[in-house]
Amino acid sequence: MMQKQIEFYKNKLTCEMDPSDLWDAMENGESIIALDARKSFGFDKEHIPNAINFPHRDMNEESTKHLDKAKIYVCYCDGIGCNASTKAALKMTKLGFKVKELIGGVEWWKFDGYATTGTQPSKGAQIECAC
């Protein structure tokens, strides 16, 4: 029984990341890209700093060919009431990208005290990339 649990949690961590881990990865200049899977109006309003906007409905082999497959893409959306990040993570994985899903999306990012950017940004800790 314990071995099954260990495997479950290991597998879960290969697929998910929380806002604190994403923050640390971005601050440390890791090869990671925050990918906002929402439509552009949500992204324009507010998003995680340095994120790219790539709505899940637009993802296909042709539209993603310019993306670097060496990077890890952390897909996110609004949060608990949205499944755009799950759809994006599934599509990106099928297309051969390394992917994780951000637990809680942009809402938990803000809840954890991190700033957003956009036309209606929220205040919080600012990323100082070690890139």
Protein backbone atom coordinates (compact mmCIF):
# COMPACT_ATOMS: atom_id res chain seq x y z
CA MET A 1 0.00 0.00 0.00
CA MET A 2 2.72 2.51 0.92
CA GLN A 3 4.52 1.97 -2.40
CA LYS A 4 1.32 2.78 -4.32
CA GLN A 5 1.01 6.03 -2.40
CA ILE A 6 4.63 6.93 -3.05
CA GLU A 7 4.13 6.37 -6.77
CA PHE A 8 0.88 8.36 -6.74
CA TYR A 9 2.51 11.40 -5.10
CA LYS A 10 5.60 11.20 -7.30
CA ASN A 11 3.40 11.10 -10.40
CA LYS A 12 1.30 13.98 -9.12
CA LEU A 13 4.38 16.16 -8.62
CA THR A 14 5.56 15.47 -12.17
CA CYS A 15 2.29 16.99 -13.43
CA GLU A 16 1.62 19.87 -11.03
CA MET A 17 3.34 22.88 -9.52
CA ASP A 18 2.12 25.36 -6.93
CA PRO A 19 2.58 29.14 -7.15
CA SER A 20 5.48 29.14 -4.67
CA ASP A 21 7.41 26.59 -6.75
CA LEU A 22 6.74 28.55 -9.95
CA TRP A 23 7.88 31.74 -8.24
CA ASP A 24 11.11 30.08 -7.11
CA ALA A 25 11.76 28.61 -10.56
CA MET A 26 11.22 31.98 -12.24
CA GLU A 27 13.35 33.83 -9.68
CA ASN A 28 16.16 31.32 -10.18
CA GLY A 29 16.06 31.66 -13.97
CA GLU A 30 15.07 28.04 -14.55
CA SER A 31 14.10 26.95 -18.05
CA ILE A 32 10.41 27.43 -17.40
CA ILE A 33 7.64 29.42 -19.07
CA ALA A 34 4.32 30.35 -17.50
CA LEU A 35 1.65 29.76 -20.14
CA ASP A 36 -1.72 31.44 -19.72
CA ALA A 37 -4.26 29.23 -21.49
CA ARG A 38 -7.16 31.69 -21.25
CA LYS A 39 -8.55 33.86 -24.02
CA SER A 40 -6.66 37.10 -24.57
CA PHE A 41 -9.14 39.35 -22.71
CA GLY A 42 -8.38 37.51 -19.44
CA PHE A 43 -4.65 37.65 -20.09
CA ASP A 44 -4.80 41.35 -21.01
CA LYS A 45 -6.64 42.13 -17.75
CA GLU A 46 -4.01 40.42 -15.57
CA HIS A 47 -1.49 37.64 -15.80
CA ILE A 48 1.61 36.23 -14.18
CA PRO A 49 4.66 38.37 -15.04
CA ASN A 50 6.62 37.15 -18.08
CA ALA A 51 3.86 34.68 -18.99
CA ILE A 52 2.91 34.02 -22.57
CA ASN A 53 -0.70 33.92 -23.68
CA PHE A 54 -1.62 30.86 -25.68
CA PRO A 55 -5.32 29.99 -25.51
CA HIS A 56 -5.78 26.23 -25.43
CA ARG A 57 -8.22 26.36 -28.35
CA ASP A 58 -5.45 27.72 -30.59
CA MET A 59 -2.92 24.99 -29.82
CA ASN A 60 -1.94 22.61 -32.58
CA GLU A 61 1.22 21.33 -34.23
CA GLU A 62 1.47 24.32 -36.57
CA SER A 63 0.74 27.04 -33.99
CA THR A 64 3.22 25.65 -31.45
CA LYS A 65 6.15 24.96 -33.79
CA HIS A 66 7.91 28.18 -32.71
CA LEU A 67 7.97 27.12 -29.03
CA ASP A 68 11.11 25.65 -27.46
CA LYS A 69 10.58 22.00 -26.51
CA ALA A 70 13.54 22.19 -24.11
CA LYS A 71 11.53 24.46 -21.79
CA ILE A 72 8.96 23.39 -19.22
CA TYR A 73 5.58 25.03 -19.79
CA VAL A 74 3.51 25.67 -16.67
CA CYS A 75 -0.07 26.03 -17.86
CA TYR A 76 -2.53 28.10 -15.87
CA CYS A 77 -5.93 29.75 -16.12
CA ASP A 78 -8.24 31.55 -13.66
CA GLY A 79 -8.19 28.84 -11.02
CA ILE A 80 -10.50 26.24 -9.55
CA GLY A 81 -13.54 27.21 -11.67
CA CYS A 82 -11.64 26.99 -14.96
CA ASN A 83 -10.22 24.01 -16.83
CA ALA A 84 -8.33 25.84 -19.60
CA SER A 85 -5.02 24.94 -17.94
CA THR A 86 -5.90 21.24 -17.94
CA LYS A 87 -6.91 21.37 -21.60
CA ALA A 88 -3.71 23.23 -22.47
CA ALA A 89 -1.52 20.84 -20.48
CA LEU A 90 -3.10 17.87 -22.24
CA LYS A 91 -2.68 19.40 -25.71
CA MET A 92 0.90 20.52 -25.07
CA THR A 93 1.83 17.10 -23.71
CA LYS A 94 0.33 15.39 -26.76
CA LEU A 95 2.40 17.76 -28.92
CA GLY A 96 5.59 16.62 -27.22
CA PHE A 97 6.22 19.46 -24.76
CA LYS A 98 7.29 19.17 -21.12
CA VAL A 99 4.35 20.46 -19.14
CA LYS A 100 3.08 21.05 -15.63
CA GLU A 101 -0.19 22.55 -14.48
CA LEU A 102 -0.24 25.41 -11.97
CA ILE A 103 -2.38 24.49 -8.98
CA GLY A 104 -5.01 27.18 -8.37
CA GLY A 105 -4.14 29.28 -11.41
CA VAL A 106 -3.75 33.03 -11.29
CA GLU A 107 -6.12 33.27 -8.29
CA TRP A 108 -3.85 31.20 -6.05
CA TRP A 109 -0.84 33.05 -7.47
CA LYS A 110 -2.36 36.26 -6.07
CA PHE A 111 -3.56 34.52 -2.88
CA ASP A 112 0.05 33.55 -2.19
CA GLY A 113 1.03 37.23 -2.41
CA TYR A 114 2.55 37.48 -5.89
CA ALA A 115 1.91 40.42 -8.21
CA THR A 116 0.25 40.23 -11.60
CA THR A 117 0.67 42.49 -14.62
CA GLY A 118 -1.86 43.71 -17.17
CA THR A 119 -4.50 46.44 -17.42
CA GLN A 120 -5.84 45.54 -13.95
CA PRO A 121 -2.77 44.21 -12.11
CA SER A 122 -2.74 43.15 -8.49
CA LYS A 123 -0.04 44.17 -6.07
CA GLY A 124 2.29 41.69 -4.48
CA ALA A 125 5.83 40.40 -4.51
CA GLN A 126 7.67 41.20 -7.73
CA ILE A 127 9.80 38.66 -9.60
CA GLU A 128 13.44 39.56 -9.90
CA CYS A 129 14.59 37.07 -12.49
CA ALA A 130 18.10 35.67 -12.13
CA CYS A 131 18.16 35.08 -15.90
